[in-house]
Amino acid sequence: MSGAVEVFLDDTPGEIRGVASRNGRYTHLIIHRDDDVAQCRLGARAVGRVTDVIPGLRGAFMDLGASPPAFLPLNRKDRVDQGERLEVVVIAEPRAGKGPVVRRLGPGEGAPRLLQAAPGVAERLQALAPNSHLIEGVAAIDAAVEAEEEALAARWGSAAHGVDLALERTRALVAVDIDYAPSPGRDARQGRAAANREGLHQAARLIGLRQWGGLVVIDLVGDGQDAEAQARIARAAFSHEPQAVFGPISRFGLLQMSLPWRMTPVEERLFDGGGPSVATRALALVRALRRRLLSETTTPRLSVRCAPEEAALAAPLIARLGPRAGLRSDDALPPGRGHIEEG
């Protein structure tokens, strides 16, 4: 990563978050939960058993010793047999109801099982910024919350550049719309070029922050008359991704490209049925309590008051915060309305 880089590690009971920022803007949000399936994390190595070969999909499904089943893509010359044991590594985490995607390393032996755990959050942060110091404590908690908010926001804007950016993920693709409000007295062509440059760089950052991949369609400012210059800007914006594949820019100013899937999208990690899951709400309360405990060191005791379904998940996690942390389950409190109180 180029530019001024900061990395944050929030080690809240139940969930570890890693955040990276460049020049003050968040670029990465890594989330590991205690109940994650270890065989499904990016970089995990396992012995798997081939359970089904699907020639039409050019791949095979594998049992890694934990659900869900993994998918092994196959080249034309590759051959595997049902029941065969293979050593594999996870190259893409589960998403959209699908299991992880794996790559074959070689033959395997024994029952399906985890061989080597995936790199932890701290290791991933150190790989992103080898010479940076990990920031922890209150600053890391704040960064984790702010990065989540930005990752879940539908729009991003810059008044200085006159740019309004909208991003949406559908089943088929990621759609990005760059809108531009020209400034009076500014050269129109230069203004469009600057808006596309800023819009593409922010689109690249936000797509990475959200852990999105697949087909990406970007509606640029203007038509395709400056296609060559626009293509150079796009390649520069996504230069951090070596597996990015770019298509031509259409006469209507549409850029098509493809990005690899690697990690579970942030919204799938946090949401369930369109809103924060019970686990996400409970963990948010634990994180908020931990922040208060760290920042209000003279307060004898702080407690979470929340709905019973959230309290059930939060109880063992809050117990790990020490004797100053408490929990009150309140039947009268609606889900999602939990808060921190003294005593």
Protein backbone atom coordinates (compact mmCIF):
# COMPACT_ATOMS: atom_id res chain seq x y z
CA MET A 1 0.00 0.00 0.00
CA SER A 2 1.31 3.43 -0.94
CA GLY A 3 0.68 6.69 0.90
CA ALA A 4 0.37 7.19 4.65
CA VAL A 5 -0.90 3.84 5.99
CA GLU A 6 -2.40 3.08 9.39
CA VAL A 7 -3.56 -0.33 10.62
CA PHE A 8 -5.91 -0.96 13.54
CA LEU A 9 -6.61 -4.16 15.49
CA ASP A 10 -9.83 -4.36 17.52
CA ASP A 11 -9.76 -7.53 19.63
CA THR A 12 -13.27 -7.51 21.09
CA PRO A 13 -14.47 -10.78 22.68
CA GLY A 14 -16.29 -12.80 20.03
CA GLU A 15 -15.02 -10.84 17.04
CA ILE A 16 -11.65 -9.51 15.89
CA ARG A 17 -11.61 -6.69 13.36
CA GLY A 18 -8.67 -5.44 11.37
CA VAL A 19 -8.84 -2.09 9.61
CA ALA A 20 -6.39 -0.44 7.24
CA SER A 21 -6.49 3.14 6.04
CA ARG A 22 -4.46 5.01 3.46
CA ASN A 23 -4.20 8.79 3.56
CA GLY A 24 -6.99 8.86 6.15
CA ARG A 25 -9.47 6.76 4.14
CA TYR A 26 -10.40 3.19 5.00
CA THR A 27 -9.34 0.55 2.48
CA HIS A 28 -9.70 -2.79 4.30
CA LEU A 29 -12.07 -4.24 6.89
CA ILE A 30 -11.26 -7.80 7.99
CA ILE A 31 -13.69 -9.58 10.31
CA HIS A 32 -13.05 -12.87 12.11
CA ARG A 33 -15.63 -14.25 14.52
CA ASP A 34 -15.17 -16.94 17.14
CA ASP A 35 -17.83 -19.13 15.52
CA ASP A 36 -16.38 -18.97 12.00
CA VAL A 37 -15.77 -22.32 10.32
CA ALA A 38 -11.97 -22.54 10.25
CA GLN A 39 -11.93 -24.55 7.00
CA CYS A 40 -13.77 -21.72 5.20
CA ARG A 41 -11.36 -18.87 5.92
CA LEU A 42 -9.18 -17.48 3.14
CA GLY A 43 -5.83 -19.25 3.12
CA ALA A 44 -6.86 -22.24 5.26
CA ARG A 45 -5.36 -25.57 4.19
CA ALA A 46 -7.33 -28.78 4.55
CA VAL A 47 -7.69 -32.36 3.45
CA GLY A 48 -10.91 -32.74 1.49
CA ARG A 49 -12.83 -35.66 0.02
CA VAL A 50 -14.40 -35.33 -3.42
CA THR A 51 -18.12 -35.95 -2.97
CA ASP A 52 -19.44 -35.07 -6.42
CA VAL A 53 -17.87 -34.34 -9.81
CA ILE A 54 -19.92 -31.96 -12.00
CA PRO A 55 -18.56 -31.92 -15.59
CA GLY A 56 -21.06 -29.23 -16.62
CA LEU A 57 -19.62 -26.86 -14.02
CA ARG A 58 -16.04 -27.95 -14.70
CA GLY A 59 -15.55 -28.65 -11.07
CA ALA A 60 -16.17 -30.87 -8.08
CA PHE A 61 -17.67 -30.49 -4.63
CA MET A 62 -15.60 -31.47 -1.62
CA ASP A 63 -16.17 -32.28 2.03
CA LEU A 64 -13.60 -30.43 4.14
CA GLY A 65 -14.80 -31.88 7.43
CA ALA A 66 -17.17 -28.98 8.13
CA SER A 67 -20.11 -27.45 6.31
CA PRO A 68 -20.67 -25.99 3.79
CA PRO A 69 -19.12 -28.10 1.00
CA ALA A 70 -16.31 -26.50 -0.99
CA PHE A 71 -16.08 -26.15 -4.76
CA LEU A 72 -12.94 -27.15 -6.66
CA PRO A 73 -12.71 -25.61 -10.17
CA LEU A 74 -11.11 -27.93 -12.73
CA ASN A 75 -9.27 -27.25 -15.97
CA ARG A 76 -10.04 -29.27 -19.08
CA LYS A 77 -7.17 -31.66 -18.43
CA ASP A 78 -7.80 -32.05 -14.69
CA ARG A 79 -9.34 -35.26 -13.46
CA VAL A 80 -10.59 -36.19 -10.01
CA ASP A 81 -12.65 -39.13 -8.85
CA GLN A 82 -15.47 -39.33 -6.35
CA GLY A 83 -14.05 -40.32 -2.97
CA GLU A 84 -10.55 -39.07 -3.79
CA ARG A 85 -8.66 -37.25 -1.01
CA LEU A 86 -6.89 -34.02 -1.90
CA GLU A 87 -4.98 -31.35 -0.02
CA VAL A 88 -6.50 -27.96 -0.86
CA VAL A 89 -6.28 -24.28 0.10
CA VAL A 90 -9.20 -21.85 0.31
CA ILE A 91 -8.93 -19.13 -2.36
CA ALA A 92 -12.41 -17.63 -1.87
CA GLU A 93 -14.60 -17.59 1.23
CA PRO A 94 -18.33 -18.47 1.24
CA ARG A 95 -20.77 -15.93 -0.22
CA ALA A 96 -24.35 -15.73 -1.47
CA GLY A 97 -25.24 -19.15 -0.08
CA LYS A 98 -22.24 -20.81 -1.76
CA GLY A 99 -19.44 -22.60 0.01
CA PRO A 100 -15.75 -21.75 -0.22
CA VAL A 101 -13.73 -22.16 -3.41
CA VAL A 102 -10.51 -24.15 -3.12
CA ARG A 103 -7.39 -24.83 -5.16
CA ARG A 104 -5.75 -28.24 -5.29
CA LEU A 105 -2.29 -28.49 -3.74
CA GLY A 106 -1.75 -32.23 -4.14
CA PRO A 107 -2.90 -35.62 -2.90
CA GLY A 108 -4.29 -35.90 0.62
CA GLU A 109 -4.57 -38.63 3.20
CA GLY A 110 -7.01 -39.46 5.96
CA ALA A 111 -10.32 -37.97 6.98
CA PRO A 112 -11.40 -34.50 5.81
CA ARG A 113 -9.96 -32.02 8.30
CA LEU A 114 -8.18 -28.73 8.80
CA LEU A 115 -4.42 -28.95 8.28
CA GLN A 116 -3.34 -25.36 8.77
CA ALA A 117 -5.43 -22.44 9.96
CA ALA A 118 -5.74 -19.36 7.80
CA PRO A 119 -3.66 -16.29 8.66
CA GLY A 120 -5.16 -14.33 11.55
CA VAL A 121 -6.31 -10.73 11.40
CA ALA A 122 -3.05 -9.36 12.78
CA GLU A 123 -1.07 -11.36 10.21
CA ARG A 124 -3.18 -9.97 7.38
CA LEU A 125 -2.69 -6.43 8.60
CA GLN A 126 1.06 -6.93 8.85
CA ALA A 127 1.08 -8.28 5.29
CA LEU A 128 -0.76 -5.16 4.11
CA ALA A 129 1.56 -2.77 5.95
CA PRO A 130 4.75 -4.57 7.06
CA ASN A 131 6.38 -1.50 8.59
CA SER A 132 3.32 -0.09 10.35
CA HIS A 133 2.58 -0.32 14.07
CA LEU A 134 -0.73 -1.97 14.99
CA ILE A 135 -2.98 0.57 16.71
CA GLU A 136 -5.22 -0.97 19.39
CA GLY A 137 -7.60 0.17 22.13
CA VAL A 138 -10.20 2.93 21.74
CA ALA A 139 -8.76 4.20 18.46
CA ALA A 140 -9.04 0.72 16.94
CA ILE A 141 -12.64 0.32 18.13
CA ASP A 142 -13.55 3.67 16.58
CA ALA A 143 -11.85 2.73 13.31
CA ALA A 144 -13.68 -0.62 13.24
CA VAL A 145 -17.06 1.09 13.67
CA GLU A 146 -16.33 3.86 11.17
CA ALA A 147 -15.06 1.41 8.54
CA GLU A 148 -18.22 -0.67 8.96
CA GLU A 149 -20.42 2.40 8.49
CA GLU A 150 -18.59 3.38 5.31
CA ALA A 151 -18.66 -0.18 3.98
CA LEU A 152 -22.44 -0.34 4.40
CA ALA A 153 -23.22 3.13 3.01
CA ALA A 154 -24.90 3.22 -0.40
CA ARG A 155 -23.38 6.54 -1.49
CA TRP A 156 -20.15 8.49 -1.20
CA GLY A 157 -19.59 12.12 -2.12
CA SER A 158 -16.87 14.73 -2.46
CA ALA A 159 -17.95 18.35 -2.62
CA ALA A 160 -14.41 19.40 -3.55
CA HIS A 161 -14.54 17.33 -6.74
CA GLY A 162 -18.28 17.62 -7.35
CA VAL A 163 -18.54 13.83 -7.31
CA ASP A 164 -21.50 11.75 -6.11
CA LEU A 165 -20.77 8.03 -6.15
CA ALA A 166 -23.40 5.29 -5.86
CA LEU A 167 -22.48 1.61 -5.49
CA GLU A 168 -24.83 -1.37 -5.56
CA ARG A 169 -24.26 -5.11 -5.60
CA THR A 170 -26.81 -7.29 -7.37
CA ARG A 171 -26.85 -11.04 -7.98
CA ALA A 172 -25.22 -10.51 -11.37
CA LEU A 173 -22.79 -7.63 -10.92
CA VAL A 174 -21.53 -4.62 -9.02
CA ALA A 175 -22.92 -1.37 -10.44
CA VAL A 176 -21.12 1.95 -9.88
CA ASP A 177 -22.54 5.30 -10.99
CA ILE A 178 -20.28 8.37 -11.00
CA ASP A 179 -22.26 11.62 -11.06
CA TYR A 180 -20.60 14.98 -11.53
CA ALA A 181 -21.78 18.49 -10.66
CA PRO A 182 -19.56 20.90 -12.66
CA SER A 183 -18.12 23.99 -11.01
CA PRO A 184 -18.80 27.37 -12.65
CA GLY A 185 -15.86 28.63 -14.68
CA ARG A 186 -14.03 25.31 -14.82
CA ASP A 187 -13.05 23.71 -18.13
CA ALA A 188 -15.68 21.04 -18.81
CA ARG A 189 -13.29 18.44 -20.17
CA GLN A 190 -10.82 18.85 -17.33
CA GLY A 191 -13.67 18.72 -14.83
CA ARG A 192 -15.00 15.44 -16.26
CA ALA A 193 -11.52 13.91 -16.25
CA ALA A 194 -10.95 14.96 -12.63
CA ALA A 195 -14.36 13.60 -11.60
CA ASN A 196 -13.69 10.26 -13.29
CA ARG A 197 -10.25 10.06 -11.69
CA GLU A 198 -11.60 10.70 -8.20
CA GLY A 199 -14.68 8.54 -8.76
CA LEU A 200 -12.67 5.57 -10.00
CA HIS A 201 -10.16 5.76 -7.17
CA GLN A 202 -12.94 5.92 -4.58
CA ALA A 203 -14.87 3.13 -6.32
CA ALA A 204 -11.78 0.92 -6.18
CA ARG A 205 -11.31 1.72 -2.49
CA LEU A 206 -14.94 1.11 -1.54
CA ILE A 207 -15.27 -2.11 -3.55
CA GLY A 208 -12.19 -3.43 -1.75
CA LEU A 209 -13.48 -2.25 1.63
CA ARG A 210 -16.72 -4.16 1.06
CA GLN A 211 -14.90 -7.29 -0.14
CA TRP A 212 -16.80 -7.32 -3.44
CA GLY A 213 -15.73 -9.06 -6.63
CA GLY A 214 -17.09 -10.45 -9.88
CA LEU A 215 -18.33 -8.39 -12.83
CA VAL A 216 -18.16 -4.63 -12.22
CA VAL A 217 -19.88 -2.06 -14.46
CA ILE A 218 -18.96 1.60 -13.93
CA ASP A 219 -20.96 4.43 -15.51
CA LEU A 220 -18.34 7.12 -16.08
CA VAL A 221 -18.90 10.85 -16.46
CA GLY A 222 -19.37 11.68 -20.15
CA ASP A 223 -19.39 9.37 -23.15
CA GLY A 224 -16.65 7.12 -24.49
CA GLN A 225 -14.85 9.73 -26.59
CA ASP A 226 -11.98 9.86 -24.09
CA ALA A 227 -11.92 6.07 -23.75
CA GLU A 228 -8.15 5.71 -23.89
CA ALA A 229 -7.55 8.27 -21.15
CA GLN A 230 -10.40 6.85 -19.06
CA ALA A 231 -8.95 3.34 -19.39
CA ARG A 232 -5.57 4.55 -18.10
CA ILE A 233 -7.25 6.16 -15.09
CA ALA A 234 -9.19 2.95 -14.37
CA ARG A 235 -6.07 0.79 -14.53
CA ALA A 236 -4.27 3.15 -12.18
CA ALA A 237 -7.21 3.13 -9.72
CA PHE A 238 -7.26 -0.68 -9.57
CA SER A 239 -3.48 -1.16 -9.84
CA HIS A 240 -3.44 -2.80 -6.38
CA GLU A 241 -5.40 -5.75 -7.80
CA PRO A 242 -3.17 -7.87 -10.09
CA GLN A 243 -6.08 -10.13 -11.14
CA ALA A 244 -8.30 -7.29 -12.37
CA VAL A 245 -9.42 -7.81 -15.98
CA PHE A 246 -10.57 -4.79 -17.98
CA GLY A 247 -12.94 -4.66 -20.92
CA PRO A 248 -13.24 -1.81 -23.42
CA ILE A 249 -15.12 1.37 -22.52
CA SER A 250 -18.33 1.58 -24.53
CA ARG A 251 -19.46 4.55 -26.61
CA PHE A 252 -21.88 5.33 -23.75
CA GLY A 253 -19.08 5.66 -21.19
CA LEU A 254 -19.55 2.28 -19.50
CA LEU A 255 -16.49 0.48 -18.17
CA GLN A 256 -16.73 -3.28 -17.64
CA MET A 257 -14.19 -5.15 -15.57
CA SER A 258 -13.83 -8.28 -13.48
CA LEU A 259 -12.39 -8.61 -9.98
CA PRO A 260 -11.63 -11.81 -8.06
CA TRP A 261 -13.76 -12.88 -5.12
CA ARG A 262 -11.67 -13.58 -2.04
CA MET A 263 -13.45 -12.81 1.25
CA THR A 264 -17.08 -12.93 2.34
CA PRO A 265 -18.72 -9.56 1.55
CA VAL A 266 -19.05 -7.32 4.60
CA GLU A 267 -22.83 -7.02 4.34
CA GLU A 268 -23.20 -10.82 4.32
CA ARG A 269 -20.99 -10.98 7.39
CA LEU A 270 -23.10 -8.51 9.31
CA PHE A 271 -26.64 -8.72 7.94
CA ASP A 272 -29.39 -11.31 8.07
CA GLY A 273 -32.61 -10.69 6.17
CA GLY A 274 -31.85 -7.07 5.31
CA GLY A 275 -30.73 -5.87 8.74
CA PRO A 276 -28.06 -6.55 11.34
CA SER A 277 -28.20 -10.13 12.59
CA VAL A 278 -28.70 -10.94 16.27
CA ALA A 279 -25.01 -11.82 16.49
CA THR A 280 -24.01 -8.51 14.91
CA ARG A 281 -26.20 -6.56 17.34
CA ALA A 282 -24.87 -8.48 20.34
CA LEU A 283 -21.25 -8.01 19.26
CA ALA A 284 -21.83 -4.30 18.67
CA LEU A 285 -23.01 -3.96 22.27
CA VAL A 286 -19.98 -5.86 23.56
CA ARG A 287 -17.73 -3.61 21.49
CA ALA A 288 -19.46 -0.46 22.78
CA LEU A 289 -19.14 -1.69 26.36
CA ARG A 290 -15.47 -2.45 25.88
CA ARG A 291 -14.90 1.05 24.53
CA ARG A 292 -16.57 2.61 27.57
CA LEU A 293 -14.54 0.43 29.93
CA LEU A 294 -11.31 1.49 28.25
CA SER A 295 -12.15 5.19 28.17
CA GLU A 296 -13.94 5.54 31.55
CA THR A 297 -11.42 3.91 33.84
CA THR A 298 -12.76 5.56 37.01
CA THR A 299 -16.33 4.30 36.56
CA PRO A 300 -16.73 1.31 38.93
CA ARG A 301 -19.14 -0.67 36.76
CA LEU A 302 -20.76 -0.41 33.33
CA SER A 303 -23.51 -2.68 32.02
CA VAL A 304 -25.26 -3.51 28.78
CA ARG A 305 -29.06 -3.46 28.88
CA CYS A 306 -30.60 -5.23 25.90
CA ALA A 307 -33.28 -7.59 24.62
CA PRO A 308 -33.12 -11.24 25.79
CA GLU A 309 -32.09 -12.64 22.40
CA GLU A 310 -29.10 -10.29 22.30
CA ALA A 311 -28.29 -10.89 25.97
CA ALA A 312 -28.09 -14.65 25.41
CA LEU A 313 -25.28 -14.20 22.89
CA ALA A 314 -23.57 -11.32 24.68
CA ALA A 315 -23.43 -12.91 28.17
CA PRO A 316 -20.34 -15.14 27.77
CA LEU A 317 -18.53 -12.42 25.83
CA ILE A 318 -19.20 -9.71 28.42
CA ALA A 319 -17.96 -12.08 31.14
CA ARG A 320 -14.57 -12.00 29.39
CA LEU A 321 -14.35 -8.21 29.87
CA GLY A 322 -13.79 -8.52 33.60
CA PRO A 323 -15.60 -7.67 36.86
CA ARG A 324 -16.43 -4.08 35.85
CA ALA A 325 -18.62 -5.32 32.99
CA GLY A 326 -22.25 -6.28 33.54
CA LEU A 327 -25.34 -7.35 31.61
CA ARG A 328 -29.07 -6.81 32.14
CA SER A 329 -31.58 -8.66 30.01
CA ASP A 330 -34.74 -6.55 29.59
CA ASP A 331 -37.92 -8.14 28.22
CA ALA A 332 -39.43 -4.69 27.64
CA LEU A 333 -36.58 -3.52 25.42
CA PRO A 334 -37.05 -4.10 21.65
CA PRO A 335 -34.23 -5.81 19.71
CA GLY A 336 -31.70 -3.32 18.43
CA ARG A 337 -32.31 -0.80 21.23
CA GLY A 338 -29.63 -1.99 23.62
CA HIS A 339 -27.47 0.57 25.40
CA ILE A 340 -24.75 1.02 28.02
CA GLU A 341 -25.52 2.28 31.52
CA GLU A 342 -23.63 2.75 34.75
CA GLY A 343 -23.97 0.28 37.58
